[in-house]
Amino acid sequence: MAPNPRTEEPQDNPDNYVGLDSARAERLAEERGWSAVRSLPPGAIITMEYRAGRLNFEVTGGTVTRCWKG
């Protein structure tokens, strides 16, 4: 499997997305230059590889409750 290409990450604080409606948070992240945005339910099983340029949202009831890079 080929490694993911390295991309620059936006100068953006993931904590700024916590508390936002998930649809608004996704649009905002894309506008700010994140190359991939992933919304996940609490406790989702995910791979742990770091992908530069990706922003992850944990979403509960339509609201972002946690956000992290990679």
N, C-alpha and C. Protein backbone atom coordinates (compact mmCIF):
# COMPACT_ATOMS: atom_id res chain seq x y z
N MET A 1 0.85 -1.18 0.00
CA MET A 1 0.00 0.00 0.00
C MET A 1 0.89 1.24 0.00
N ALA A 2 0.61 2.17 -0.87
CA ALA A 2 1.39 3.41 -0.96
C ALA A 2 1.05 4.33 0.21
N PRO A 3 2.06 5.03 0.75
CA PRO A 3 1.78 5.96 1.85
C PRO A 3 0.95 7.15 1.38
N ASN A 4 0.21 7.73 2.30
CA ASN A 4 -0.57 8.92 1.99
C ASN A 4 0.37 10.07 1.65
N PRO A 5 0.03 10.87 0.65
CA PRO A 5 0.88 12.03 0.35
C PRO A 5 0.79 13.04 1.50
N ARG A 6 1.91 13.68 1.80
CA ARG A 6 1.92 14.67 2.86
C ARG A 6 1.30 15.96 2.34
N THR A 7 0.45 16.52 3.14
CA THR A 7 -0.16 17.78 2.78
C THR A 7 0.01 18.75 3.94
N GLU A 8 -0.02 20.01 3.64
CA GLU A 8 0.06 21.04 4.66
C GLU A 8 -1.25 21.09 5.42
N GLU A 9 -1.15 21.31 6.72
CA GLU A 9 -2.36 21.46 7.53
C GLU A 9 -2.64 22.95 7.73
N PRO A 10 -3.90 23.31 7.72
CA PRO A 10 -4.25 24.71 8.00
C PRO A 10 -3.83 25.10 9.42
N GLN A 11 -3.54 26.35 9.62
CA GLN A 11 -3.26 26.86 10.96
C GLN A 11 -4.61 27.10 11.62
N ASP A 12 -5.14 26.05 12.22
CA ASP A 12 -6.50 26.06 12.73
C ASP A 12 -6.53 25.25 14.02
N ASN A 13 -7.27 25.70 15.01
CA ASN A 13 -7.36 25.03 16.29
C ASN A 13 -8.59 24.12 16.31
N PRO A 14 -8.40 22.80 16.44
CA PRO A 14 -9.54 21.88 16.46
C PRO A 14 -10.56 22.19 17.56
N ASP A 15 -10.13 22.77 18.65
CA ASP A 15 -11.05 23.08 19.75
C ASP A 15 -12.13 24.08 19.32
N ASN A 16 -11.86 24.85 18.27
CA ASN A 16 -12.84 25.84 17.80
C ASN A 16 -14.11 25.20 17.22
N TYR A 17 -14.06 23.92 16.89
CA TYR A 17 -15.20 23.25 16.28
C TYR A 17 -16.14 22.61 17.30
N VAL A 18 -15.64 22.39 18.52
CA VAL A 18 -16.45 21.75 19.56
C VAL A 18 -17.64 22.66 19.89
N GLY A 19 -18.82 22.06 19.89
CA GLY A 19 -20.05 22.79 20.18
C GLY A 19 -20.81 23.25 18.94
N LEU A 20 -20.17 23.16 17.77
CA LEU A 20 -20.84 23.56 16.53
C LEU A 20 -21.72 22.44 16.00
N ASP A 21 -22.74 22.81 15.24
CA ASP A 21 -23.54 21.85 14.50
C ASP A 21 -22.60 21.14 13.52
N SER A 22 -22.74 19.83 13.37
CA SER A 22 -21.78 19.07 12.57
C SER A 22 -21.72 19.52 11.11
N ALA A 23 -22.85 19.84 10.50
CA ALA A 23 -22.85 20.28 9.10
C ALA A 23 -22.11 21.61 8.96
N ARG A 24 -22.34 22.53 9.89
CA ARG A 24 -21.64 23.82 9.85
C ARG A 24 -20.15 23.62 10.08
N ALA A 25 -19.78 22.74 11.02
CA ALA A 25 -18.38 22.48 11.31
C ALA A 25 -17.67 21.89 10.09
N GLU A 26 -18.32 20.99 9.39
CA GLU A 26 -17.72 20.39 8.19
C GLU A 26 -17.49 21.44 7.11
N ARG A 27 -18.49 22.29 6.87
CA ARG A 27 -18.33 23.36 5.87
C ARG A 27 -17.19 24.29 6.26
N LEU A 28 -17.13 24.68 7.51
CA LEU A 28 -16.10 25.59 7.99
C LEU A 28 -14.71 24.97 7.83
N ALA A 29 -14.58 23.69 8.18
CA ALA A 29 -13.29 23.00 8.04
C ALA A 29 -12.84 22.97 6.58
N GLU A 30 -13.75 22.69 5.68
CA GLU A 30 -13.40 22.67 4.26
C GLU A 30 -13.01 24.06 3.78
N GLU A 31 -13.73 25.09 4.22
CA GLU A 31 -13.39 26.47 3.85
C GLU A 31 -12.01 26.86 4.37
N ARG A 32 -11.63 26.34 5.52
CA ARG A 32 -10.34 26.67 6.13
C ARG A 32 -9.19 25.84 5.56
N GLY A 33 -9.50 24.93 4.64
CA GLY A 33 -8.43 24.23 3.93
C GLY A 33 -8.13 22.80 4.34
N TRP A 34 -8.95 22.19 5.19
CA TRP A 34 -8.72 20.78 5.53
C TRP A 34 -9.02 19.94 4.31
N SER A 35 -8.14 19.02 3.95
CA SER A 35 -8.33 18.22 2.75
C SER A 35 -9.32 17.08 2.96
N ALA A 36 -9.53 16.66 4.22
CA ALA A 36 -10.50 15.61 4.53
C ALA A 36 -11.12 15.91 5.88
N VAL A 37 -12.41 15.68 5.98
CA VAL A 37 -13.14 15.86 7.24
C VAL A 37 -13.91 14.57 7.49
N ARG A 38 -13.77 14.05 8.70
CA ARG A 38 -14.42 12.77 9.03
C ARG A 38 -15.28 12.96 10.27
N SER A 39 -16.58 12.67 10.15
CA SER A 39 -17.51 12.74 11.28
C SER A 39 -17.77 11.33 11.79
N LEU A 40 -17.63 11.16 13.08
CA LEU A 40 -17.72 9.83 13.69
C LEU A 40 -18.66 9.85 14.88
N PRO A 41 -19.37 8.75 15.11
CA PRO A 41 -20.18 8.67 16.32
C PRO A 41 -19.27 8.37 17.52
N PRO A 42 -19.72 8.66 18.73
CA PRO A 42 -18.91 8.36 19.92
C PRO A 42 -18.54 6.87 19.97
N GLY A 43 -17.29 6.60 20.30
CA GLY A 43 -16.85 5.22 20.44
C GLY A 43 -16.61 4.47 19.14
N ALA A 44 -16.61 5.18 18.02
CA ALA A 44 -16.38 4.53 16.72
C ALA A 44 -15.00 3.88 16.70
N ILE A 45 -14.93 2.72 16.07
CA ILE A 45 -13.66 2.04 15.92
C ILE A 45 -13.02 2.56 14.63
N ILE A 46 -11.84 3.15 14.78
CA ILE A 46 -11.14 3.74 13.63
C ILE A 46 -9.68 3.30 13.63
N THR A 47 -9.05 3.41 12.48
CA THR A 47 -7.62 3.14 12.41
C THR A 47 -6.89 4.30 13.05
N MET A 48 -5.70 4.06 13.54
CA MET A 48 -4.96 5.08 14.27
C MET A 48 -3.88 5.77 13.44
N GLU A 49 -3.79 5.47 12.15
CA GLU A 49 -2.75 6.12 11.36
C GLU A 49 -3.04 7.62 11.26
N TYR A 50 -1.99 8.40 11.28
CA TYR A 50 -2.12 9.84 11.19
C TYR A 50 -2.14 10.23 9.72
N ARG A 51 -3.10 11.01 9.33
CA ARG A 51 -3.19 11.51 7.95
C ARG A 51 -3.16 13.03 8.00
N ALA A 52 -2.07 13.61 7.52
CA ALA A 52 -1.94 15.06 7.50
C ALA A 52 -3.07 15.66 6.67
N GLY A 53 -3.65 16.73 7.15
CA GLY A 53 -4.71 17.41 6.42
C GLY A 53 -6.11 16.91 6.74
N ARG A 54 -6.21 15.89 7.61
CA ARG A 54 -7.53 15.35 7.97
C ARG A 54 -7.95 15.88 9.34
N LEU A 55 -9.23 16.24 9.45
CA LEU A 55 -9.81 16.68 10.71
C LEU A 55 -10.93 15.72 11.07
N ASN A 56 -10.92 15.23 12.30
CA ASN A 56 -11.91 14.27 12.78
C ASN A 56 -12.86 14.93 13.75
N PHE A 57 -14.14 14.66 13.59
CA PHE A 57 -15.16 15.15 14.50
C PHE A 57 -15.84 13.97 15.16
N GLU A 58 -15.99 14.02 16.48
CA GLU A 58 -16.88 13.09 17.16
C GLU A 58 -18.19 13.85 17.33
N VAL A 59 -19.28 13.26 16.85
CA VAL A 59 -20.57 13.95 16.79
C VAL A 59 -21.61 13.20 17.62
N THR A 60 -22.25 13.93 18.53
CA THR A 60 -23.32 13.40 19.35
C THR A 60 -24.55 14.28 19.16
N GLY A 61 -25.65 13.69 18.73
CA GLY A 61 -26.89 14.45 18.54
C GLY A 61 -26.75 15.62 17.59
N GLY A 62 -25.90 15.47 16.57
CA GLY A 62 -25.73 16.52 15.57
C GLY A 62 -24.75 17.62 15.95
N THR A 63 -24.11 17.49 17.13
CA THR A 63 -23.18 18.51 17.61
C THR A 63 -21.78 17.91 17.78
N VAL A 64 -20.76 18.66 17.38
CA VAL A 64 -19.39 18.21 17.54
C VAL A 64 -19.05 18.26 19.03
N THR A 65 -18.65 17.11 19.57
CA THR A 65 -18.30 17.02 20.99
C THR A 65 -16.81 16.87 21.22
N ARG A 66 -16.09 16.51 20.14
CA ARG A 66 -14.63 16.34 20.22
C ARG A 66 -14.09 16.53 18.82
N CYS A 67 -12.88 17.09 18.72
CA CYS A 67 -12.26 17.31 17.41
C CYS A 67 -10.76 17.13 17.53
N TRP A 68 -10.16 16.44 16.55
CA TRP A 68 -8.72 16.24 16.56
C TRP A 68 -8.19 16.09 15.14
N LYS A 69 -6.89 16.39 14.99
CA LYS A 69 -6.22 16.27 13.69
C LYS A 69 -5.84 14.83 13.42
N GLY A 70 -5.71 14.50 12.14
CA GLY A 70 -5.18 13.22 11.74
C GLY A 70 -6.15 12.25 11.29
